[in-house]
Every structure is written in structure tokens, then in C-alpha cells.
Amino acid sequence: MAESQHDLYRGCTPVVDAQYGPSSNRTPTVAVVEALATAAETDSTELDPLRESIDTAALNQLFADHHGAADANAVLSFEVERWNVFVRADGRIRVCDATQPTDPTPVFEDQPV
């Protein structure tokens, strides 16, 4: 894949990939919570509320207009405890373990657009 001006690099190990949008019938917030629970190997009810790390209404609103469009390049990244979370407007989510550093690599390079 050719590098583009929209590439965002990560320096942590990916542990969970998830999807939100009409095909999964999940909002970005719900998909992030489920992905974090999977990464932490726990039930989502055992996690601290996501709203303590990010404005969840703003997260959903930010990506609401894209509806998982493949040509939508917006990416939001934030940290929740030991996890780096990347949410892309095309519906992709990647959770990485910040305690396991790697060489910088594009966040979504191994997932075709």
C-alpha cells in the first residue's frame, strides 16, 4: 500500500481489530468498549466507563456522518489505561497494547481500504 498524507503511525502492538457502523449495527462507542474488553480479556462491565477517557457522545457524533464510508479517512486516536485506541471513519477500530512497543508502522496498513 502506498503511503498517503492520511497515514497515522503507531509504535505499539495491535491486539484487537473491530468494526462499527451499519453492517455491524454498532456505534463507535459500543464497538470501542467491546474491543477494549476483548483486549483486556474481561467483560465490558468490568472496565472503567469509557466516558472517563473520552467524550463518548462526541466520538459517535464525529463519525456519524461517514456511516462507514470506505473513502472516509478521518482517524481519531486516544488512550485508555494501557491501550492505544484508533478509530477510523471507514468503520475500522484498532486497539494496541502501549506496553508492547514496536517500530513505527501505519496503524491500518495491513487492512485494505
C-alpha atoms as a PDB file:
ATOM      1  CA  MET A   1       0.000   0.000   0.000  1.00  0.00           C
ATOM      2  CA  ALA A   2       1.399   3.400  -0.917  1.00  0.00           C
ATOM      3  CA  GLU A   3       1.950   5.901   1.840  1.00  0.00           C
ATOM      4  CA  SER A   4      -0.552   8.723   1.874  1.00  0.00           C
ATOM      5  CA  GLN A   5      -0.922  12.005   3.687  1.00  0.00           C
ATOM      6  CA  HIS A   6      -3.513  10.294   5.899  1.00  0.00           C
ATOM      7  CA  ASP A   7      -1.217   7.587   7.294  1.00  0.00           C
ATOM      8  CA  LEU A   8      -1.101   7.566  11.072  1.00  0.00           C
ATOM      9  CA  TYR A   9       1.726   5.644  12.688  1.00  0.00           C
ATOM     10  CA  ARG A  10       1.634   3.516  15.810  1.00  0.00           C
ATOM     11  CA  GLY A  11       4.511   2.324  17.960  1.00  0.00           C
ATOM     12  CA  CYS A  12       2.584  -0.319  19.887  1.00  0.00           C
ATOM     13  CA  THR A  13       1.466  -3.898  19.283  1.00  0.00           C
ATOM     14  CA  PRO A  14      -2.040  -4.399  17.797  1.00  0.00           C
ATOM     15  CA  VAL A  15      -4.168  -6.799  19.832  1.00  0.00           C
ATOM     16  CA  VAL A  16      -7.751  -6.290  18.638  1.00  0.00           C
ATOM     17  CA  ASP A  17      -9.379  -5.155  15.416  1.00  0.00           C
ATOM     18  CA  ALA A  18     -13.066  -4.285  15.437  1.00  0.00           C
ATOM     19  CA  GLN A  19     -15.728  -2.733  13.235  1.00  0.00           C
ATOM     20  CA  TYR A  20     -18.583  -0.292  13.780  1.00  0.00           C
ATOM     21  CA  GLY A  21     -21.284   1.018  11.504  1.00  0.00           C
ATOM     22  CA  PRO A  22     -24.409  -0.140   9.720  1.00  0.00           C
ATOM     23  CA  SER A  23     -23.032  -3.583   8.819  1.00  0.00           C
ATOM     24  CA  SER A  24     -22.163  -4.361  12.446  1.00  0.00           C
ATOM     25  CA  ASN A  25     -25.138  -2.449  13.882  1.00  0.00           C
ATOM     26  CA  ARG A  26     -22.814  -0.865  16.487  1.00  0.00           C
ATOM     27  CA  THR A  27     -21.887   2.723  17.263  1.00  0.00           C
ATOM     28  CA  PRO A  28     -18.198   3.638  17.527  1.00  0.00           C
ATOM     29  CA  THR A  29     -18.546   3.848  21.327  1.00  0.00           C
ATOM     30  CA  VAL A  30     -20.082   0.383  21.676  1.00  0.00           C
ATOM     31  CA  ALA A  31     -17.502  -1.137  19.331  1.00  0.00           C
ATOM     32  CA  VAL A  32     -14.613   0.509  21.228  1.00  0.00           C
ATOM     33  CA  VAL A  33     -15.913  -0.746  24.595  1.00  0.00           C
ATOM     34  CA  GLU A  34     -16.272  -4.285  23.215  1.00  0.00           C
ATOM     35  CA  ALA A  35     -12.787  -4.127  21.656  1.00  0.00           C
ATOM     36  CA  LEU A  36     -11.247  -2.895  24.922  1.00  0.00           C
ATOM     37  CA  ALA A  37     -12.975  -5.694  26.836  1.00  0.00           C
ATOM     38  CA  THR A  38     -11.593  -8.231  24.369  1.00  0.00           C
ATOM     39  CA  ALA A  39      -8.093  -6.725  24.650  1.00  0.00           C
ATOM     40  CA  ALA A  40      -8.256  -6.788  28.448  1.00  0.00           C
ATOM     41  CA  GLU A  41      -9.755 -10.294  28.409  1.00  0.00           C
ATOM     42  CA  THR A  42     -12.625  -9.212  30.623  1.00  0.00           C
ATOM     43  CA  ASP A  43     -16.312  -8.405  30.464  1.00  0.00           C
ATOM     44  CA  SER A  44     -17.173  -4.890  29.332  1.00  0.00           C
ATOM     45  CA  THR A  45     -18.938  -4.285  32.657  1.00  0.00           C
ATOM     46  CA  GLU A  46     -15.579  -4.719  34.421  1.00  0.00           C
ATOM     47  CA  LEU A  47     -13.986  -1.787  32.540  1.00  0.00           C
ATOM     48  CA  ASP A  48     -13.872   1.765  33.811  1.00  0.00           C
ATOM     49  CA  PRO A  49     -16.511   3.811  31.954  1.00  0.00           C
ATOM     50  CA  LEU A  50     -15.184   4.941  28.576  1.00  0.00           C
ATOM     51  CA  ARG A  51     -16.541   8.430  29.249  1.00  0.00           C
ATOM     52  CA  GLU A  52     -13.726   8.842  31.800  1.00  0.00           C
ATOM     53  CA  SER A  53     -11.243   8.804  28.888  1.00  0.00           C
ATOM     54  CA  ILE A  54     -13.179  10.418  26.031  1.00  0.00           C
ATOM     55  CA  ASP A  55     -16.447  12.214  25.335  1.00  0.00           C
ATOM     56  CA  THR A  56     -18.448   9.270  24.006  1.00  0.00           C
ATOM     57  CA  ALA A  57     -21.226  11.423  22.541  1.00  0.00           C
ATOM     58  CA  ALA A  58     -18.603  13.389  20.599  1.00  0.00           C
ATOM     59  CA  LEU A  59     -16.988  10.137  19.403  1.00  0.00           C
ATOM     60  CA  ASN A  60     -20.293   8.914  17.987  1.00  0.00           C
ATOM     61  CA  GLN A  61     -21.131  12.325  16.502  1.00  0.00           C
ATOM     62  CA  LEU A  62     -17.697  12.696  14.892  1.00  0.00           C
ATOM     63  CA  PHE A  63     -18.160   9.541  12.835  1.00  0.00           C
ATOM     64  CA  ALA A  64     -21.956   9.630  12.415  1.00  0.00           C
ATOM     65  CA  ASP A  65     -21.859  11.415   9.064  1.00  0.00           C
ATOM     66  CA  HIS A  66     -19.471   8.910   7.464  1.00  0.00           C
ATOM     67  CA  HIS A  67     -21.577   5.784   8.050  1.00  0.00           C
ATOM     68  CA  GLY A  68     -18.534   3.592   7.474  1.00  0.00           C
ATOM     69  CA  ALA A  69     -17.760   5.054   4.044  1.00  0.00           C
ATOM     70  CA  ALA A  70     -14.666   3.428   2.566  1.00  0.00           C
ATOM     71  CA  ASP A  71     -13.383   6.784   1.318  1.00  0.00           C
ATOM     72  CA  ALA A  72     -13.560   8.463   4.738  1.00  0.00           C
ATOM     73  CA  ASN A  73     -10.003   8.992   6.018  1.00  0.00           C
ATOM     74  CA  ALA A  74     -10.583  10.688   9.383  1.00  0.00           C
ATOM     75  CA  VAL A  75      -8.825   8.943  12.272  1.00  0.00           C
ATOM     76  CA  LEU A  76      -9.136   9.615  15.984  1.00  0.00           C
ATOM     77  CA  SER A  77      -6.676   8.176  18.465  1.00  0.00           C
ATOM     78  CA  PHE A  78      -6.807   8.213  22.243  1.00  0.00           C
ATOM     79  CA  GLU A  79      -5.522   6.298  25.254  1.00  0.00           C
ATOM     80  CA  VAL A  80      -7.486   4.223  27.732  1.00  0.00           C
ATOM     81  CA  GLU A  81      -5.310   2.857  30.525  1.00  0.00           C
ATOM     82  CA  ARG A  82      -2.605   0.754  28.780  1.00  0.00           C
ATOM     83  CA  TRP A  83      -4.407   0.715  25.427  1.00  0.00           C
ATOM     84  CA  ASN A  84      -3.985   2.983  22.415  1.00  0.00           C
ATOM     85  CA  VAL A  85      -7.258   3.131  20.505  1.00  0.00           C
ATOM     86  CA  PHE A  86      -7.552   4.173  16.857  1.00  0.00           C
ATOM     87  CA  VAL A  87     -10.975   4.799  15.323  1.00  0.00           C
ATOM     88  CA  ARG A  88     -11.241   5.393  11.600  1.00  0.00           C
ATOM     89  CA  ALA A  89     -14.203   6.940   9.779  1.00  0.00           C
ATOM     90  CA  ASP A  90     -14.497   3.945   7.449  1.00  0.00           C
ATOM     91  CA  GLY A  91     -15.632   1.819  10.405  1.00  0.00           C
ATOM     92  CA  ARG A  92     -12.344   0.277  11.485  1.00  0.00           C
ATOM     93  CA  ILE A  93     -11.059   0.218  15.045  1.00  0.00           C
ATOM     94  CA  ARG A  94      -7.679  -0.997  16.238  1.00  0.00           C
ATOM     95  CA  VAL A  95      -6.641  -1.413  19.864  1.00  0.00           C
ATOM     96  CA  CYS A  96      -2.916  -1.640  20.579  1.00  0.00           C
ATOM     97  CA  ASP A  97      -1.037  -2.522  23.745  1.00  0.00           C
ATOM     98  CA  ALA A  98       1.074   0.515  24.641  1.00  0.00           C
ATOM     99  CA  THR A  99       3.204  -1.605  26.981  1.00  0.00           C
ATOM    100  CA  GLN A 100       4.475  -3.604  23.979  1.00  0.00           C
ATOM    101  CA  PRO A 101       6.375  -1.105  21.796  1.00  0.00           C
ATOM    102  CA  THR A 102       7.172  -1.832  18.148  1.00  0.00           C
ATOM    103  CA  ASP A 103       8.843   0.032  15.312  1.00  0.00           C
ATOM    104  CA  PRO A 104       6.535   2.746  13.936  1.00  0.00           C
ATOM    105  CA  THR A 105       4.100   1.272  11.416  1.00  0.00           C
ATOM    106  CA  PRO A 106       0.960   2.701   9.800  1.00  0.00           C
ATOM    107  CA  VAL A 107      -1.973   1.899  12.071  1.00  0.00           C
ATOM    108  CA  PHE A 108      -4.140   0.323   9.368  1.00  0.00           C
ATOM    109  CA  GLU A 109      -1.528  -0.777   6.801  1.00  0.00           C
ATOM    110  CA  ASP A 110      -2.499  -4.458   6.900  1.00  0.00           C
ATOM    111  CA  GLN A 111      -6.194  -3.774   6.308  1.00  0.00           C
ATOM    112  CA  PRO A 112      -7.238  -2.888   2.774  1.00  0.00           C
ATOM    113  CA  VAL A 113      -9.389   0.205   2.278  1.00  0.00           C
END
